[in-house]
PDB file of all heavy atoms in Angstrom:
ATOM      1  N   LEU A   1    -156.742  10.906  71.964  1.00  0.00           N
ATOM      2  CA  LEU A   1    -158.121  10.674  72.405  1.00  0.00           C
ATOM      3  C   LEU A   1    -158.348  11.235  73.801  1.00  0.00           C
ATOM      4  O   LEU A   1    -159.399  11.817  74.089  1.00  0.00           O
ATOM      5  CB  LEU A   1    -158.445   9.183  72.365  1.00  0.00           C
ATOM      6  CG  LEU A   1    -158.556   8.589  70.963  1.00  0.00           C
ATOM      7  CD1 LEU A   1    -158.551   7.068  71.021  1.00  0.00           C
ATOM      8  CD2 LEU A   1    -159.804   9.101  70.257  1.00  0.00           C
ATOM      9  N   TYR A   2    -157.365  11.078  74.674  1.00  0.00           N
ATOM     10  CA  TYR A   2    -157.482  11.627  76.030  1.00  0.00           C
ATOM     11  C   TYR A   2    -157.573  13.151  75.970  1.00  0.00           C
ATOM     12  O   TYR A   2    -158.410  13.756  76.647  1.00  0.00           O
ATOM     13  CB  TYR A   2    -156.286  11.192  76.890  1.00  0.00           C
ATOM     14  CG  TYR A   2    -156.315  11.805  78.270  1.00  0.00           C
ATOM     15  CD1 TYR A   2    -157.274  11.422  79.212  1.00  0.00           C
ATOM     16  CD2 TYR A   2    -155.399  12.783  78.635  1.00  0.00           C
ATOM     17  CE1 TYR A   2    -157.306  11.993  80.467  1.00  0.00           C
ATOM     18  CE2 TYR A   2    -155.430  13.343  79.892  1.00  0.00           C
ATOM     19  CZ  TYR A   2    -156.384  12.953  80.804  1.00  0.00           C
ATOM     20  OH  TYR A   2    -156.423  13.526  82.055  1.00  0.00           O
ATOM     21  N   SER A   3    -156.753  13.752  75.156  1.00  0.00           N
ATOM     22  CA  SER A   3    -156.792  15.204  74.997  1.00  0.00           C
ATOM     23  C   SER A   3    -158.157  15.652  74.471  1.00  0.00           C
ATOM     24  O   SER A   3    -158.730  16.642  74.945  1.00  0.00           O
ATOM     25  CB  SER A   3    -155.686  15.650  74.045  1.00  0.00           C
ATOM     26  OG  SER A   3    -155.709  17.040  73.884  1.00  0.00           O
ATOM     27  N   GLU A   4    -158.680  14.910  73.507  1.00  0.00           N
ATOM     28  CA  GLU A   4    -160.011  15.221  72.967  1.00  0.00           C
ATOM     29  C   GLU A   4    -161.069  15.112  74.064  1.00  0.00           C
ATOM     30  O   GLU A   4    -161.977  15.931  74.160  1.00  0.00           O
ATOM     31  CB  GLU A   4    -160.333  14.264  71.815  1.00  0.00           C
ATOM     32  CG  GLU A   4    -161.663  14.502  71.148  1.00  0.00           C
ATOM     33  CD  GLU A   4    -161.678  15.719  70.236  1.00  0.00           C
ATOM     34  OE1 GLU A   4    -160.598  16.186  69.827  1.00  0.00           O
ATOM     35  OE2 GLU A   4    -162.789  16.206  69.948  1.00  0.00           O
ATOM     36  N   TRP A   5    -160.939  14.088  74.900  1.00  0.00           N
ATOM     37  CA  TRP A   5    -161.879  13.890  76.018  1.00  0.00           C
ATOM     38  C   TRP A   5    -161.860  15.108  76.938  1.00  0.00           C
ATOM     39  O   TRP A   5    -162.895  15.592  77.363  1.00  0.00           O
ATOM     40  CB  TRP A   5    -161.521  12.625  76.797  1.00  0.00           C
ATOM     41  CG  TRP A   5    -162.277  12.535  78.085  1.00  0.00           C
ATOM     42  CD1 TRP A   5    -161.826  12.840  79.332  1.00  0.00           C
ATOM     43  CD2 TRP A   5    -163.643  12.149  78.253  1.00  0.00           C
ATOM     44  NE1 TRP A   5    -162.823  12.657  80.257  1.00  0.00           N
ATOM     45  CE2 TRP A   5    -163.945  12.235  79.621  1.00  0.00           C
ATOM     46  CE3 TRP A   5    -164.642  11.738  77.371  1.00  0.00           C
ATOM     47  CZ2 TRP A   5    -165.194  11.923  80.137  1.00  0.00           C
ATOM     48  CZ3 TRP A   5    -165.892  11.428  77.885  1.00  0.00           C
ATOM     49  CH2 TRP A   5    -166.154  11.521  79.246  1.00  0.00           C
ATOM     50  N   LEU A   6    -160.667  15.605  77.244  1.00  0.00           N
ATOM     51  CA  LEU A   6    -160.551  16.751  78.152  1.00  0.00           C
ATOM     52  C   LEU A   6    -161.224  17.992  77.589  1.00  0.00           C
ATOM     53  O   LEU A   6    -161.682  18.850  78.345  1.00  0.00           O
ATOM     54  CB  LEU A   6    -159.078  17.047  78.449  1.00  0.00           C
ATOM     55  CG  LEU A   6    -158.354  16.009  79.293  1.00  0.00           C
ATOM     56  CD1 LEU A   6    -156.884  16.386  79.436  1.00  0.00           C
ATOM     57  CD2 LEU A   6    -159.003  15.840  80.662  1.00  0.00           C
ATOM     58  N   HIS A   7    -161.290  18.088  76.264  1.00  0.00           N
ATOM     59  CA  HIS A   7    -161.893  19.259  75.629  1.00  0.00           C
ATOM     60  C   HIS A   7    -163.330  19.011  75.172  1.00  0.00           C
ATOM     61  O   HIS A   7    -163.940  19.877  74.554  1.00  0.00           O
ATOM     62  CB  HIS A   7    -161.019  19.712  74.450  1.00  0.00           C
ATOM     63  CG  HIS A   7    -159.674  20.161  74.901  1.00  0.00           C
ATOM     64  ND1 HIS A   7    -158.571  19.331  74.870  1.00  0.00           N
ATOM     65  CD2 HIS A   7    -159.253  21.320  75.448  1.00  0.00           C
ATOM     66  CE1 HIS A   7    -157.540  19.974  75.364  1.00  0.00           C
ATOM     67  NE2 HIS A   7    -157.914  21.174  75.723  1.00  0.00           N
ATOM     68  N   ASN A   8    -163.847  17.841  75.479  1.00  0.00           N
ATOM     69  CA  ASN A   8    -165.209  17.475  75.105  1.00  0.00           C
ATOM     70  C   ASN A   8    -166.195  18.219  76.003  1.00  0.00           C
ATOM     71  O   ASN A   8    -165.940  18.435  77.173  1.00  0.00           O
ATOM     72  CB  ASN A   8    -165.367  15.958  75.272  1.00  0.00           C
ATOM     73  CG  ASN A   8    -166.607  15.420  74.617  1.00  0.00           C
ATOM     74  OD1 ASN A   8    -167.621  16.085  74.538  1.00  0.00           O
ATOM     75  ND2 ASN A   8    -166.527  14.190  74.162  1.00  0.00           N
ATOM     76  N   ASP A   9    -167.340  18.575  75.459  1.00  0.00           N
ATOM     77  CA  ASP A   9    -168.356  19.273  76.244  1.00  0.00           C
ATOM     78  C   ASP A   9    -169.006  18.381  77.288  1.00  0.00           C
ATOM     79  O   ASP A   9    -169.465  18.857  78.310  1.00  0.00           O
ATOM     80  CB  ASP A   9    -169.449  19.849  75.327  1.00  0.00           C
ATOM     81  CG  ASP A   9    -168.962  21.053  74.550  1.00  0.00           C
ATOM     82  OD1 ASP A   9    -167.968  21.672  74.966  1.00  0.00           O
ATOM     83  OD2 ASP A   9    -169.578  21.381  73.526  1.00  0.00           O
ATOM     84  N   MET A  10    -169.064  17.093  77.032  1.00  0.00           N
ATOM     85  CA  MET A  10    -169.686  16.182  77.989  1.00  0.00           C
ATOM     86  C   MET A  10    -168.626  15.714  78.979  1.00  0.00           C
ATOM     87  O   MET A  10    -167.576  15.233  78.599  1.00  0.00           O
ATOM     88  CB  MET A  10    -170.286  14.968  77.288  1.00  0.00           C
ATOM     89  CG  MET A  10    -170.925  13.997  78.235  1.00  0.00           C
ATOM     90  SD  MET A  10    -171.835  12.756  77.331  1.00  0.00           S
ATOM     91  CE  MET A  10    -173.121  12.441  78.488  1.00  0.00           C
ATOM     92  N   SER A  11    -168.897  15.887  80.230  1.00  0.00           N
ATOM     93  CA  SER A  11    -167.910  15.494  81.225  1.00  0.00           C
ATOM     94  C   SER A  11    -168.281  14.148  81.841  1.00  0.00           C
ATOM     95  O   SER A  11    -169.428  13.717  81.814  1.00  0.00           O
ATOM     96  CB  SER A  11    -167.803  16.548  82.324  1.00  0.00           C
ATOM     97  OG  SER A  11    -168.885  16.445  83.217  1.00  0.00           O
ATOM     98  N   TYR A  12    -167.286  13.547  82.411  1.00  0.00           N
ATOM     99  CA  TYR A  12    -167.475  12.287  83.131  1.00  0.00           C
ATOM    100  C   TYR A  12    -168.443  12.503  84.289  1.00  0.00           C
ATOM    101  O   TYR A  12    -169.291  11.673  84.562  1.00  0.00           O
ATOM    102  CB  TYR A  12    -166.110  11.825  83.630  1.00  0.00           C
ATOM    103  CG  TYR A  12    -165.988  10.361  83.930  1.00  0.00           C
ATOM    104  CD1 TYR A  12    -166.147   9.412  82.939  1.00  0.00           C
ATOM    105  CD2 TYR A  12    -165.686   9.926  85.211  1.00  0.00           C
ATOM    106  CE1 TYR A  12    -166.008   8.066  83.192  1.00  0.00           C
ATOM    107  CE2 TYR A  12    -165.545   8.577  85.486  1.00  0.00           C
ATOM    108  CZ  TYR A  12    -165.705   7.649  84.475  1.00  0.00           C
ATOM    109  OH  TYR A  12    -165.568   6.325  84.746  1.00  0.00           O
ATOM    110  N   ASN A  13    -168.326  13.676  84.928  1.00  0.00           N
ATOM    111  CA  ASN A  13    -169.228  13.991  86.029  1.00  0.00           C
ATOM    112  C   ASN A  13    -170.674  14.071  85.568  1.00  0.00           C
ATOM    113  O   ASN A  13    -171.586  13.661  86.293  1.00  0.00           O
ATOM    114  CB  ASN A  13    -168.810  15.291  86.722  1.00  0.00           C
ATOM    115  CG  ASN A  13    -167.577  15.118  87.556  1.00  0.00           C
ATOM    116  OD1 ASN A  13    -167.294  14.026  88.042  1.00  0.00           O
ATOM    117  ND2 ASN A  13    -166.823  16.178  87.730  1.00  0.00           N
ATOM    118  N   ASP A  14    -170.903  14.594  84.362  1.00  0.00           N
ATOM    119  CA  ASP A  14    -172.261  14.627  83.817  1.00  0.00           C
ATOM    120  C   ASP A  14    -172.810  13.204  83.673  1.00  0.00           C
ATOM    121  O   ASP A  14    -173.969  12.937  83.996  1.00  0.00           O
ATOM    122  CB  ASP A  14    -172.300  15.314  82.446  1.00  0.00           C
ATOM    123  CG  ASP A  14    -172.046  16.810  82.526  1.00  0.00           C
ATOM    124  OD1 ASP A  14    -172.232  17.396  83.611  1.00  0.00           O
ATOM    125  OD2 ASP A  14    -171.654  17.386  81.485  1.00  0.00           O
ATOM    126  N   MET A  15    -171.954  12.299  83.194  1.00  0.00           N
ATOM    127  CA  MET A  15    -172.393  10.906  83.040  1.00  0.00           C
ATOM    128  C   MET A  15    -172.653  10.264  84.398  1.00  0.00           C
ATOM    129  O   MET A  15    -173.602   9.508  84.566  1.00  0.00           O
ATOM    130  CB  MET A  15    -171.362  10.116  82.241  1.00  0.00           C
ATOM    131  CG  MET A  15    -171.264  10.582  80.806  1.00  0.00           C
ATOM    132  SD  MET A  15    -170.217   9.590  79.699  1.00  0.00           S
ATOM    133  CE  MET A  15    -168.831   9.149  80.677  1.00  0.00           C
ATOM    134  N   LEU A  16    -171.807  10.556  85.379  1.00  0.00           N
ATOM    135  CA  LEU A  16    -172.021  10.019  86.727  1.00  0.00           C
ATOM    136  C   LEU A  16    -173.321  10.540  87.318  1.00  0.00           C
ATOM    137  O   LEU A  16    -174.107   9.763  87.890  1.00  0.00           O
ATOM    138  CB  LEU A  16    -170.851  10.379  87.641  1.00  0.00           C
ATOM    139  CG  LEU A  16    -169.530   9.696  87.354  1.00  0.00           C
ATOM    140  CD1 LEU A  16    -168.433  10.276  88.234  1.00  0.00           C
ATOM    141  CD2 LEU A  16    -169.625   8.196  87.537  1.00  0.00           C
ATOM    142  N   ARG A  17    -173.564  11.857  87.192  1.00  0.00           N
ATOM    143  CA  ARG A  17    -174.812  12.429  87.712  1.00  0.00           C
ATOM    144  C   ARG A  17    -176.026  11.817  87.029  1.00  0.00           C
ATOM    145  O   ARG A  17    -177.027  11.518  87.675  1.00  0.00           O
ATOM    146  CB  ARG A  17    -174.800  13.944  87.543  1.00  0.00           C
ATOM    147  CG  ARG A  17    -173.952  14.660  88.587  1.00  0.00           C
ATOM    148  CD  ARG A  17    -174.137  16.177  88.541  1.00  0.00           C
ATOM    149  NE  ARG A  17    -173.486  16.787  87.396  1.00  0.00           N
ATOM    150  CZ  ARG A  17    -172.217  17.160  87.366  1.00  0.00           C
ATOM    151  NH1 ARG A  17    -171.457  16.979  88.407  1.00  0.00           N
ATOM    152  NH2 ARG A  17    -171.713  17.717  86.289  1.00  0.00           N
ATOM    153  N   ALA A  18    -175.943  11.596  85.717  1.00  0.00           N
ATOM    154  CA  ALA A  18    -177.058  10.978  84.989  1.00  0.00           C
ATOM    155  C   ALA A  18    -177.294   9.554  85.475  1.00  0.00           C
ATOM    156  O   ALA A  18    -178.442   9.124  85.647  1.00  0.00           O
ATOM    157  CB  ALA A  18    -176.783  10.997  83.482  1.00  0.00           C
ATOM    158  N   THR A  19    -176.227   8.832  85.738  1.00  0.00           N
ATOM    159  CA  THR A  19    -176.348   7.459  86.248  1.00  0.00           C
ATOM    160  C   THR A  19    -177.003   7.456  87.623  1.00  0.00           C
ATOM    161  O   THR A  19    -177.902   6.649  87.899  1.00  0.00           O
ATOM    162  CB  THR A  19    -174.956   6.794  86.315  1.00  0.00           C
ATOM    163  OG1 THR A  19    -174.414   6.742  84.998  1.00  0.00           O
ATOM    164  CG2 THR A  19    -175.034   5.399  86.904  1.00  0.00           C
ATOM    165  N   ILE A  20    -176.564   8.351  88.485  1.00  0.00           N
ATOM    166  CA  ILE A  20    -177.141   8.441  89.835  1.00  0.00           C
ATOM    167  C   ILE A  20    -178.618   8.799  89.748  1.00  0.00           C
ATOM    168  O   ILE A  20    -179.462   8.193  90.419  1.00  0.00           O
ATOM    169  CB  ILE A  20    -176.364   9.462  90.682  1.00  0.00           C
ATOM    170  CG1 ILE A  20    -174.952   8.934  90.959  1.00  0.00           C
ATOM    171  CG2 ILE A  20    -177.100   9.780  91.982  1.00  0.00           C
ATOM    172  CD1 ILE A  20    -173.986   9.981  91.497  1.00  0.00           C
ATOM    173  N   LYS A  21    -178.939   9.776  88.908  1.00  0.00           N
ATOM    174  CA  LYS A  21    -180.332  10.203  88.749  1.00  0.00           C
ATOM    175  C   LYS A  21    -181.201   9.062  88.218  1.00  0.00           C
ATOM    176  O   LYS A  21    -182.298   8.812  88.723  1.00  0.00           O
ATOM    177  CB  LYS A  21    -180.395  11.416  87.807  1.00  0.00           C
ATOM    178  CG  LYS A  21    -181.778  11.947  87.567  1.00  0.00           C
ATOM    179  CD  LYS A  21    -182.336  12.621  88.782  1.00  0.00           C
ATOM    180  CE  LYS A  21    -183.640  13.319  88.446  1.00  0.00           C
ATOM    181  NZ  LYS A  21    -184.388  13.682  89.623  1.00  0.00           N
ATOM    182  N   ASP A  22    -180.711   8.339  87.202  1.00  0.00           N
ATOM    183  CA  ASP A  22    -181.464   7.218  86.637  1.00  0.00           C
ATOM    184  C   ASP A  22    -181.727   6.142  87.688  1.00  0.00           C
ATOM    185  O   ASP A  22    -182.838   5.621  87.794  1.00  0.00           O
ATOM    186  CB  ASP A  22    -180.723   6.599  85.451  1.00  0.00           C
ATOM    187  CG  ASP A  22    -180.696   7.508  84.232  1.00  0.00           C
ATOM    188  OD1 ASP A  22    -181.447   8.505  84.194  1.00  0.00           O
ATOM    189  OD2 ASP A  22    -179.895   7.219  83.315  1.00  0.00           O
ATOM    190  N   ARG A  23    -180.697   5.804  88.465  1.00  0.00           N
ATOM    191  CA  ARG A  23    -180.865   4.750  89.473  1.00  0.00           C
ATOM    192  C   ARG A  23    -181.762   5.217  90.607  1.00  0.00           C
ATOM    193  O   ARG A  23    -182.580   4.451  91.130  1.00  0.00           O
ATOM    194  CB  ARG A  23    -179.505   4.307  90.029  1.00  0.00           C
ATOM    195  CG  ARG A  23    -179.629   3.147  90.996  1.00  0.00           C
ATOM    196  CD  ARG A  23    -180.278   1.927  90.295  1.00  0.00           C
ATOM    197  NE  ARG A  23    -180.525   0.860  91.220  1.00  0.00           N
ATOM    198  CZ  ARG A  23    -181.736   0.445  91.609  1.00  0.00           C
ATOM    199  NH1 ARG A  23    -182.828   1.010  91.124  1.00  0.00           N
ATOM    200  NH2 ARG A  23    -181.863  -0.544  92.457  1.00  0.00           N
ATOM    201  N   ALA A  24    -181.657   6.492  90.996  1.00  0.00           N
ATOM    202  CA  ALA A  24    -182.528   7.024  92.046  1.00  0.00           C
ATOM    203  C   ALA A  24    -183.987   6.998  91.601  1.00  0.00           C
ATOM    204  O   ALA A  24    -184.877   6.634  92.374  1.00  0.00           O
ATOM    205  CB  ALA A  24    -182.104   8.446  92.418  1.00  0.00           C
ATOM    206  N   THR A  25    -184.219   7.336  90.351  1.00  0.00           N
ATOM    207  CA  THR A  25    -185.586   7.315  89.809  1.00  0.00           C
ATOM    208  C   THR A  25    -186.159   5.901  89.851  1.00  0.00           C
ATOM    209  O   THR A  25    -187.308   5.696  90.264  1.00  0.00           O
ATOM    210  CB  THR A  25    -185.602   7.870  88.370  1.00  0.00           C
ATOM    211  OG1 THR A  25    -185.127   9.219  88.400  1.00  0.00           O
ATOM    212  CG2 THR A  25    -186.992   7.827  87.766  1.00  0.00           C
ATOM    213  N   SER A  26    -185.370   4.917  89.434  1.00  0.00           N
ATOM    214  CA  SER A  26    -185.871   3.536  89.463  1.00  0.00           C
ATOM    215  C   SER A  26    -186.017   3.043  90.902  1.00  0.00           C
ATOM    216  O   SER A  26    -186.932   2.278  91.205  1.00  0.00           O
ATOM    217  CB  SER A  26    -184.976   2.603  88.634  1.00  0.00           C
ATOM    218  OG  SER A  26    -183.686   2.525  89.164  1.00  0.00           O
ATOM    219  N   ALA A  27    -185.155   3.493  91.806  1.00  0.00           N
ATOM    220  CA  ALA A  27    -185.276   3.102  93.217  1.00  0.00           C
ATOM    221  C   ALA A  27    -186.561   3.666  93.821  1.00  0.00           C
ATOM    222  O   ALA A  27    -187.226   2.995  94.628  1.00  0.00           O
ATOM    223  CB  ALA A  27    -184.059   3.571  94.014  1.00  0.00           C
ATOM    224  N   VAL A  28    -186.931   4.882  93.434  1.00  0.00           N
ATOM    225  CA  VAL A  28    -188.190   5.476  93.907  1.00  0.00           C
ATOM    226  C   VAL A  28    -189.363   4.646  93.402  1.00  0.00           C
ATOM    227  O   VAL A  28    -190.299   4.342  94.161  1.00  0.00           O
ATOM    228  CB  VAL A  28    -188.306   6.954  93.458  1.00  0.00           C
ATOM    229  CG1 VAL A  28    -189.722   7.488  93.665  1.00  0.00           C
ATOM    230  CG2 VAL A  28    -187.291   7.819  94.192  1.00  0.00           C
TER     231      VAL A  28
END
């Protein structure tokens, strides 16, 4: 599963950026 994660198109960083963007939008 870890190996599959490493080869997945969606990265952890993408999820982090989406989380930051969502929270920034609600904070605005």
